[in-house]
């Protein structure tokens, strides 16, 4: 089994964490589906809920290597990873700081569940470092960030946040789902714990539900100690599928990032588009910071249509791009955050985050960009025509 993370990124994706087929010499990792293992006279007492089956252990090594961390842990979903990791380091009377714009599931988990546990929380008023500073209390244990943010693609200064946290002995956590370790490695900027919805770019084919965490061995052990009790483990077949998918992550994400930049530039110059949110655009408020932190700018963007174009009608008129939940598959998809990813938030909470009802999130796939542009063009024309006929 390859274990060195000194390899290049494609080699890590392909080989680190693989299981050698000693019996038949197959080229890929064998899959071990057993839920029951011998406990007598063995080095490891394996049990799926303990996250230590052969496939689970192997995949965790790949996740850790990709994030240049000591250890990793995989979960049944991104929210299982986020909730378990937060609760592993928080108890009654503790306080956590979260940035103002977050994935709706994370926001909803915090506001609905933390009060039950007596855990205090505050959201920053902006992403400027002074806003993080102003929220620090004597009982602050965690600062949780997400960059680029979902869905407005805001960028957080990872080094500034991690330096601040270290000064106050606070743990930093980041949702790195949108960027992936292909586009940025938060450890390089001092972040302690990196979390992913592996359903997204790590899976990459819209057929896997999973979560992942990478951190120091000490931090992973603390997360594992709670995880084994909460039971958010992953089936070995899904583990095997995810290990397979990760082999092509670098190739996929680079192409998606290249395509997204082209699509963002096209949309920015389209007279029917009100605003485009993509950190790779020079017009983006955080463009310089994004250049500093990111190798590429990612495959995600969002945009607002002009007010006279109905966003749902526009999406219904798409032929190639799928109006679909989730993101990051090889196929391009769009959705309305107000009805999906941030639908659990109140209208007031969405307004506070700047998420308008007409906002569309665009997950750019690996297709030819000329085909994506043609699809958007025909959908815009049909949508305007429908509106004109109803006047």
Protein backbone atom coordinates (compact mmCIF):
# COMPACT_ATOMS: atom_id res chain seq x y z
CA UNK A 1 0.00 0.00 0.00
CA UNK A 2 1.45 3.36 -1.03
CA UNK A 3 1.65 5.70 1.95
CA UNK A 4 3.99 8.59 1.14
CA UNK A 5 2.37 11.98 0.64
CA UNK A 6 5.54 13.28 -1.00
CA UNK A 7 4.16 12.12 -4.34
CA UNK A 8 2.61 14.46 -6.89
CA UNK A 9 -1.12 15.07 -6.62
CA UNK A 10 -2.15 12.65 -9.41
CA UNK A 11 -0.05 9.91 -7.85
CA UNK A 12 -1.62 10.54 -4.45
CA UNK A 13 -5.09 10.38 -5.98
CA UNK A 14 -4.27 7.15 -7.80
CA UNK A 15 -2.11 5.17 -5.39
CA UNK A 16 -1.99 6.39 -1.78
CA UNK A 17 -4.40 4.35 0.33
CA UNK A 18 -4.86 1.58 -2.20
CA UNK A 19 -5.06 -2.01 -0.97
CA UNK A 20 -2.86 -4.46 -2.83
CA UNK A 21 -4.64 -7.55 -4.10
CA UNK A 22 -2.16 -10.12 -2.81
CA UNK A 23 -4.30 -13.10 -3.79
CA UNK A 24 -5.10 -12.39 -7.44
CA UNK A 25 -2.83 -9.41 -8.25
CA UNK A 26 -5.68 -7.24 -9.48
CA UNK A 27 -4.87 -3.67 -10.48
CA UNK A 28 -7.39 -2.06 -8.12
CA UNK A 29 -8.18 -2.34 -4.43
CA UNK A 30 -10.27 -5.37 -3.50
CA UNK A 31 -13.44 -4.68 -1.55
CA UNK A 32 -14.06 -6.24 1.86
CA UNK A 33 -17.80 -6.24 2.56
CA UNK A 34 -17.72 -8.15 5.84
CA UNK A 35 -19.42 -6.61 8.86
CA UNK A 36 -17.96 -9.23 11.19
CA UNK A 37 -14.27 -9.95 11.80
CA UNK A 38 -12.28 -12.26 14.06
CA UNK A 39 -11.48 -10.74 17.46
CA UNK A 40 -9.07 -13.37 18.82
CA UNK A 41 -5.30 -13.09 18.36
CA UNK A 42 -5.50 -10.16 15.90
CA UNK A 43 -3.70 -6.81 15.80
CA UNK A 44 -6.90 -4.85 15.10
CA UNK A 45 -10.38 -5.73 16.28
CA UNK A 46 -12.33 -4.57 13.26
CA UNK A 47 -15.92 -3.38 13.30
CA UNK A 48 -17.54 -1.10 10.69
CA UNK A 49 -18.91 1.37 13.24
CA UNK A 50 -15.36 1.80 14.57
CA UNK A 51 -14.23 3.11 11.16
CA UNK A 52 -11.48 0.48 10.92
CA UNK A 53 -12.43 -2.02 8.24
CA UNK A 54 -9.66 -2.52 5.64
CA UNK A 55 -11.32 -0.30 3.02
CA UNK A 56 -12.18 2.39 5.57
CA UNK A 57 -8.61 2.55 6.87
CA UNK A 58 -7.13 2.68 3.38
CA UNK A 59 -9.41 5.49 2.22
CA UNK A 60 -8.66 7.54 5.34
CA UNK A 61 -4.97 7.45 4.40
CA UNK A 62 -5.73 8.87 0.96
CA UNK A 63 -7.91 11.64 2.42
CA UNK A 64 -5.17 12.58 4.88
CA UNK A 65 -2.50 12.59 2.18
CA UNK A 66 -4.57 14.83 -0.08
CA UNK A 67 -4.93 17.41 2.70
CA UNK A 68 -1.29 16.86 3.83
CA UNK A 69 -2.57 15.92 7.28
CA UNK A 70 -1.55 13.12 9.64
CA UNK A 71 -4.85 11.28 9.67
CA UNK A 72 -8.35 11.18 8.23
CA UNK A 73 -11.81 9.90 8.98
CA UNK A 74 -14.76 9.22 6.68
CA UNK A 75 -18.48 9.52 7.40
CA UNK A 76 -21.86 8.67 5.94
CA UNK A 77 -22.45 12.28 4.81
CA UNK A 78 -20.92 15.72 4.88
CA UNK A 79 -23.28 16.77 7.67
CA UNK A 80 -22.28 13.72 9.71
CA UNK A 81 -18.67 14.87 9.37
CA UNK A 82 -19.49 18.47 10.31
CA UNK A 83 -21.80 17.71 13.23
CA UNK A 84 -19.59 15.01 14.74
CA UNK A 85 -16.44 17.13 14.43
CA UNK A 86 -18.03 20.19 16.04
CA UNK A 87 -19.58 18.23 18.88
CA UNK A 88 -16.33 16.38 19.54
CA UNK A 89 -14.71 19.64 20.65
CA UNK A 90 -17.68 21.41 22.25
CA UNK A 91 -19.56 20.91 25.49
CA UNK A 92 -22.06 22.79 27.61
CA UNK A 93 -20.91 26.35 28.24
CA UNK A 94 -18.52 26.49 25.27
CA UNK A 95 -18.74 29.07 22.50
CA UNK A 96 -18.09 28.76 18.75
CA UNK A 97 -17.65 31.50 16.15
CA UNK A 98 -18.98 30.83 12.65
CA UNK A 99 -18.62 33.03 9.61
CA UNK A 100 -21.67 34.93 8.37
CA UNK A 101 -22.23 32.95 5.16
CA UNK A 102 -22.33 29.17 5.49
CA UNK A 103 -23.82 26.14 3.85
CA UNK A 104 -27.47 26.06 4.88
CA UNK A 105 -27.21 22.61 6.46
CA UNK A 106 -24.41 23.76 8.75
CA UNK A 107 -26.30 26.91 9.71
CA UNK A 108 -29.47 24.95 10.41
CA UNK A 109 -27.62 22.36 12.51
CA UNK A 110 -26.10 25.05 14.69
CA UNK A 111 -29.22 27.13 15.28
CA UNK A 112 -31.51 24.12 15.82
CA UNK A 113 -29.28 21.87 17.90
CA UNK A 114 -26.68 23.85 19.85
CA UNK A 115 -29.14 25.41 22.28
CA UNK A 116 -30.20 21.91 23.32
CA UNK A 117 -26.61 21.21 24.35
CA UNK A 118 -26.05 24.56 26.05
CA UNK A 119 -23.45 25.50 23.44
CA UNK A 120 -23.17 29.21 22.64
CA UNK A 121 -22.58 30.46 19.11
CA UNK A 122 -22.28 33.68 17.16
CA UNK A 123 -22.07 34.45 13.45
CA UNK A 124 -19.73 37.17 12.28
CA UNK A 125 -21.20 40.28 10.70
CA UNK A 126 -18.76 40.05 7.79
CA UNK A 127 -15.70 38.05 6.78
CA UNK A 128 -13.19 40.72 7.79
CA UNK A 129 -10.76 39.59 10.48
CA UNK A 130 -11.89 42.35 12.84
CA UNK A 131 -15.33 40.75 12.94
CA UNK A 132 -13.82 37.48 14.10
CA UNK A 133 -11.80 39.32 16.72
CA UNK A 134 -14.87 41.09 18.08
CA UNK A 135 -16.70 37.80 18.64
CA UNK A 136 -14.00 36.10 20.74
CA UNK A 137 -15.01 35.29 24.31
CA UNK A 138 -13.24 33.62 27.20
CA UNK A 139 -15.16 30.42 26.44
CA UNK A 140 -14.58 30.41 22.66
CA UNK A 141 -13.28 26.99 21.61
CA UNK A 142 -13.73 26.90 17.82
CA UNK A 143 -13.72 29.18 14.80
CA UNK A 144 -15.53 27.58 11.87
CA UNK A 145 -15.09 28.93 8.33
CA UNK A 146 -16.00 27.97 4.77
CA UNK A 147 -14.09 29.31 1.79
CA UNK A 148 -15.19 29.79 -0.92
CA UNK A 149 -18.57 30.15 0.72
CA UNK A 150 -21.79 28.52 -0.43
CA UNK A 151 -23.39 30.00 -2.53
CA UNK A 152 -21.95 33.53 -2.89
CA UNK A 153 -18.32 32.43 -3.30
CA UNK A 154 -16.95 34.75 -0.62
CA UNK A 155 -13.33 34.22 0.41
CA UNK A 156 -12.05 34.09 3.99
CA UNK A 157 -8.44 34.91 4.86
CA UNK A 158 -7.40 31.53 6.23
CA UNK A 159 -4.02 32.62 7.57
CA UNK A 160 -5.44 35.65 9.36
CA UNK A 161 -8.13 33.53 10.99
CA UNK A 162 -5.74 30.73 11.98
CA UNK A 163 -3.16 33.20 13.37
CA UNK A 164 -5.89 34.83 15.44
CA UNK A 165 -7.12 31.46 16.69
CA UNK A 166 -3.65 30.29 17.68
CA UNK A 167 -3.12 33.48 19.67
CA UNK A 168 -6.19 32.61 21.78
CA UNK A 169 -5.65 28.83 21.75
CA UNK A 170 -8.77 28.27 19.65
CA UNK A 171 -9.22 25.38 17.21
CA UNK A 172 -9.90 26.27 13.57
CA UNK A 173 -12.14 24.19 11.32
CA UNK A 174 -12.88 24.71 7.64
CA UNK A 175 -15.41 23.33 5.19
CA UNK A 176 -13.15 22.83 2.16
CA UNK A 177 -15.80 21.22 -0.03
CA UNK A 178 -16.00 23.88 -2.73
CA UNK A 179 -12.25 24.33 -3.11
CA UNK A 180 -11.11 20.72 -2.67
CA UNK A 181 -7.47 19.92 -1.85
CA UNK A 182 -6.78 20.37 -5.56
CA UNK A 183 -7.44 24.10 -5.34
CA UNK A 184 -6.27 24.82 -1.79
CA UNK A 185 -4.79 23.04 1.22
CA UNK A 186 -5.89 24.86 4.39
CA UNK A 187 -3.12 23.29 6.45
CA UNK A 188 -0.67 25.48 4.52
CA UNK A 189 -2.40 28.48 6.13
CA UNK A 190 -2.49 27.05 9.64
CA UNK A 191 -6.03 25.60 9.76
CA UNK A 192 -6.31 22.70 12.22
CA UNK A 193 -9.19 20.58 10.89
CA UNK A 194 -10.43 20.24 7.30
CA UNK A 195 -13.93 18.92 6.53
CA UNK A 196 -15.50 17.84 3.24
CA UNK A 197 -18.80 16.77 1.89
CA UNK A 198 -17.17 13.94 -0.05
CA UNK A 199 -20.48 13.61 -1.88
CA UNK A 200 -19.29 16.52 -4.01
CA UNK A 201 -15.91 16.74 -5.77
CA UNK A 202 -14.34 13.77 -4.04
CA UNK A 203 -17.13 11.54 -5.32
CA UNK A 204 -17.56 13.60 -8.45
CA UNK A 205 -20.16 11.46 -10.23
CA UNK A 206 -23.37 12.25 -8.32
CA UNK A 207 -23.64 8.69 -7.02
CA UNK A 208 -21.92 8.75 -3.61
CA UNK A 209 -23.04 10.15 -0.25
CA UNK A 210 -20.11 10.64 2.14
CA UNK A 211 -18.18 13.01 4.38
CA UNK A 212 -14.52 13.32 5.29
CA UNK A 213 -12.30 14.95 7.91
CA UNK A 214 -8.52 15.41 7.92
CA UNK A 215 -6.44 16.65 10.85
CA UNK A 216 -3.66 15.72 13.26
CA UNK A 217 -3.70 12.24 14.75
CA UNK A 218 -4.63 13.76 18.11
CA UNK A 219 -7.62 15.64 16.72
CA UNK A 220 -8.81 12.70 14.63
CA UNK A 221 -8.72 10.43 17.66
CA UNK A 222 -10.94 12.85 19.56
CA UNK A 223 -13.40 12.99 16.66
CA UNK A 224 -13.32 9.19 16.36
CA UNK A 225 -14.06 8.82 20.06
CA UNK A 226 -17.43 10.51 19.53
CA UNK A 227 -18.02 9.17 16.02
CA UNK A 228 -17.98 5.55 17.16
CA UNK A 229 -20.86 6.39 19.54
CA UNK A 230 -22.92 8.40 17.05
CA UNK A 231 -22.58 5.73 14.37
CA UNK A 232 -22.16 7.84 11.24
CA UNK A 233 -19.93 5.31 9.48
CA UNK A 234 -19.86 4.51 5.77
CA UNK A 235 -20.59 1.21 4.03
CA UNK A 236 -17.56 -0.48 2.54
CA UNK A 237 -19.06 -0.54 -0.93
CA UNK A 238 -19.40 3.26 -0.83
CA UNK A 239 -15.89 3.50 0.61
CA UNK A 240 -14.61 1.46 -2.33
CA UNK A 241 -16.56 3.64 -4.80
CA UNK A 242 -15.14 6.79 -3.24
CA UNK A 243 -11.58 5.48 -3.40
CA UNK A 244 -12.15 4.77 -7.09
CA UNK A 245 -13.57 8.24 -7.70
CA UNK A 246 -10.70 10.02 -5.97
CA UNK A 247 -8.29 8.61 -8.55
CA UNK A 248 -9.57 11.12 -11.10
CA UNK A 249 -10.30 14.06 -8.79
CA UNK A 250 -7.33 16.17 -9.88
CA UNK A 251 -8.17 15.68 -13.56
CA UNK A 252 -11.85 16.46 -13.03
CA UNK A 253 -11.44 19.46 -10.75
CA UNK A 254 -8.82 21.13 -12.95
CA UNK A 255 -11.12 20.84 -15.96
CA UNK A 256 -14.13 22.06 -13.97
CA UNK A 257 -12.13 25.02 -12.68
CA UNK A 258 -10.98 25.94 -16.17
CA UNK A 259 -14.54 25.67 -17.48
CA UNK A 260 -15.97 27.69 -14.59
CA UNK A 261 -13.65 30.60 -15.27
CA UNK A 262 -14.73 30.65 -18.91
CA UNK A 263 -18.40 30.47 -17.95
CA UNK A 264 -18.03 33.21 -15.34
CA UNK A 265 -16.46 35.55 -17.90
CA UNK A 266 -19.22 34.75 -20.40
CA UNK A 267 -21.98 35.39 -17.86
CA UNK A 268 -20.36 38.61 -16.65
CA UNK A 269 -20.56 39.97 -20.20
CA UNK A 270 -24.15 38.82 -20.79
CA UNK A 271 -26.62 41.71 -20.65
CA UNK A 272 -29.32 39.47 -19.17
CA UNK A 273 -27.20 38.63 -16.12
CA UNK A 274 -27.32 41.07 -13.21
CA UNK A 275 -24.29 39.86 -11.24
CA UNK A 276 -21.79 36.99 -11.21
CA UNK A 277 -20.08 35.61 -8.10
CA UNK A 278 -16.80 33.84 -8.89
CA UNK A 279 -13.46 34.42 -7.13
CA UNK A 280 -11.55 34.04 -10.40
CA UNK A 281 -13.07 37.22 -11.81
CA UNK A 282 -11.04 40.38 -11.35
CA UNK A 283 -14.31 42.13 -10.47
CA UNK A 284 -14.75 39.85 -7.45
CA UNK A 285 -14.19 41.68 -4.17
CA UNK A 286 -11.84 38.97 -2.89
CA UNK A 287 -9.98 38.28 -6.13
CA UNK A 288 -6.51 39.13 -4.76
CA UNK A 289 -7.05 37.05 -1.63
CA UNK A 290 -8.32 34.15 -3.73
CA UNK A 291 -5.16 34.35 -5.89
CA UNK A 292 -3.07 34.19 -2.72
CA UNK A 293 -4.86 31.16 -1.27
CA UNK A 294 -6.03 29.12 -4.25
CA UNK A 295 -4.16 27.29 -6.99
CA UNK A 296 -7.28 27.40 -9.20
CA UNK A 297 -10.61 29.09 -8.51
CA UNK A 298 -12.89 26.06 -8.44
CA UNK A 299 -15.81 24.75 -10.46
CA UNK A 300 -18.56 26.60 -8.58
CA UNK A 301 -20.09 29.99 -9.32
CA UNK A 302 -23.40 31.72 -8.83
CA UNK A 303 -25.23 34.47 -10.66
CA UNK A 304 -28.34 36.61 -10.55
CA UNK A 305 -30.59 37.02 -13.58
CA UNK A 306 -32.15 40.34 -14.47
CA UNK A 307 -35.41 40.89 -12.61
CA UNK A 308 -37.55 40.38 -15.72
CA UNK A 309 -36.34 36.79 -16.13
CA UNK A 310 -37.95 34.16 -13.93
CA UNK A 311 -35.16 31.96 -12.52
CA UNK A 312 -37.30 28.82 -12.36
CA UNK A 313 -38.56 29.20 -15.92
CA UNK A 314 -34.99 29.74 -17.05
CA UNK A 315 -33.87 26.49 -15.42
CA UNK A 316 -36.84 24.57 -16.80
CA UNK A 317 -35.82 25.67 -20.31
CA UNK A 318 -32.31 24.27 -20.03
CA UNK A 319 -31.62 21.19 -22.16
CA UNK A 320 -28.04 20.18 -21.37
CA UNK A 321 -27.47 21.69 -17.93
CA UNK A 322 -29.55 19.85 -15.34
CA UNK A 323 -31.64 21.71 -12.74
CA UNK A 324 -30.61 19.42 -9.92
CA UNK A 325 -29.85 19.18 -6.23
CA UNK A 326 -26.28 18.92 -4.99
CA UNK A 327 -23.20 19.80 -7.03
CA UNK A 328 -19.73 18.91 -8.31
CA UNK A 329 -20.56 16.04 -10.64
CA UNK A 330 -18.90 15.75 -14.03
CA UNK A 331 -22.20 16.99 -15.46
CA UNK A 332 -23.15 20.68 -15.14
CA UNK A 333 -26.06 21.47 -12.84
CA UNK A 334 -27.92 24.53 -11.59
CA UNK A 335 -30.24 25.15 -8.67
CA UNK A 336 -31.93 27.92 -6.71
CA UNK A 337 -30.30 28.08 -3.22
CA UNK A 338 -33.41 29.70 -1.74
CA UNK A 339 -35.36 26.52 -2.51
CA UNK A 340 -32.65 23.91 -1.91
CA UNK A 341 -29.30 24.27 -0.12
CA UNK A 342 -30.53 27.24 1.92
CA UNK A 343 -34.21 26.39 1.96
CA UNK A 344 -34.10 25.55 5.67
CA UNK A 345 -33.16 29.15 6.46
CA UNK A 346 -35.86 31.72 7.06
CA UNK A 347 -36.33 34.42 4.39
CA UNK A 348 -34.83 36.87 6.89
CA UNK A 349 -31.77 34.70 7.45
CA UNK A 350 -31.27 34.33 3.69
CA UNK A 351 -31.59 38.08 3.24
CA UNK A 352 -28.97 38.66 5.92
CA UNK A 353 -26.58 36.44 3.97
CA UNK A 354 -27.37 38.21 0.68
CA UNK A 355 -29.08 35.19 -0.85
CA UNK A 356 -31.84 36.49 -3.12
CA UNK A 357 -34.69 34.36 -4.46
CA UNK A 358 -33.36 34.95 -7.98
CA UNK A 359 -29.86 33.65 -7.21
CA UNK A 360 -28.77 30.60 -9.22
CA UNK A 361 -25.87 28.37 -8.21
CA UNK A 362 -24.00 26.88 -11.14
CA UNK A 363 -21.89 23.74 -10.73
CA UNK A 364 -19.80 23.64 -13.88
CA UNK A 365 -18.98 20.20 -15.26
CA UNK A 366 -16.43 18.89 -17.71
CA UNK A 367 -18.43 19.49 -20.91
CA UNK A 368 -17.28 21.74 -23.74
CA UNK A 369 -17.96 25.31 -22.67
CA UNK A 370 -19.34 26.23 -26.10
CA UNK A 371 -22.10 23.71 -25.53
CA UNK A 372 -22.87 25.08 -22.07
CA UNK A 373 -23.01 28.62 -23.43
CA UNK A 374 -25.34 27.55 -26.24
CA UNK A 375 -27.66 25.90 -23.73
CA UNK A 376 -27.80 29.01 -21.55
CA UNK A 377 -28.41 31.21 -24.59
CA UNK A 378 -31.37 29.16 -25.82
CA UNK A 379 -32.86 28.97 -22.32
CA UNK A 380 -32.63 32.74 -21.91
CA UNK A 381 -34.33 33.30 -25.27
CA UNK A 382 -37.13 30.88 -24.45
CA UNK A 383 -37.66 32.43 -21.02
CA UNK A 384 -37.94 35.95 -22.41
CA UNK A 385 -40.31 34.72 -25.13
CA UNK A 386 -42.56 33.04 -22.58
CA UNK A 387 -42.72 36.25 -20.54
CA UNK A 388 -43.54 38.34 -23.61
CA UNK A 389 -46.40 36.00 -24.57
CA UNK A 390 -47.96 36.33 -21.12
CA UNK A 391 -48.09 40.11 -21.16
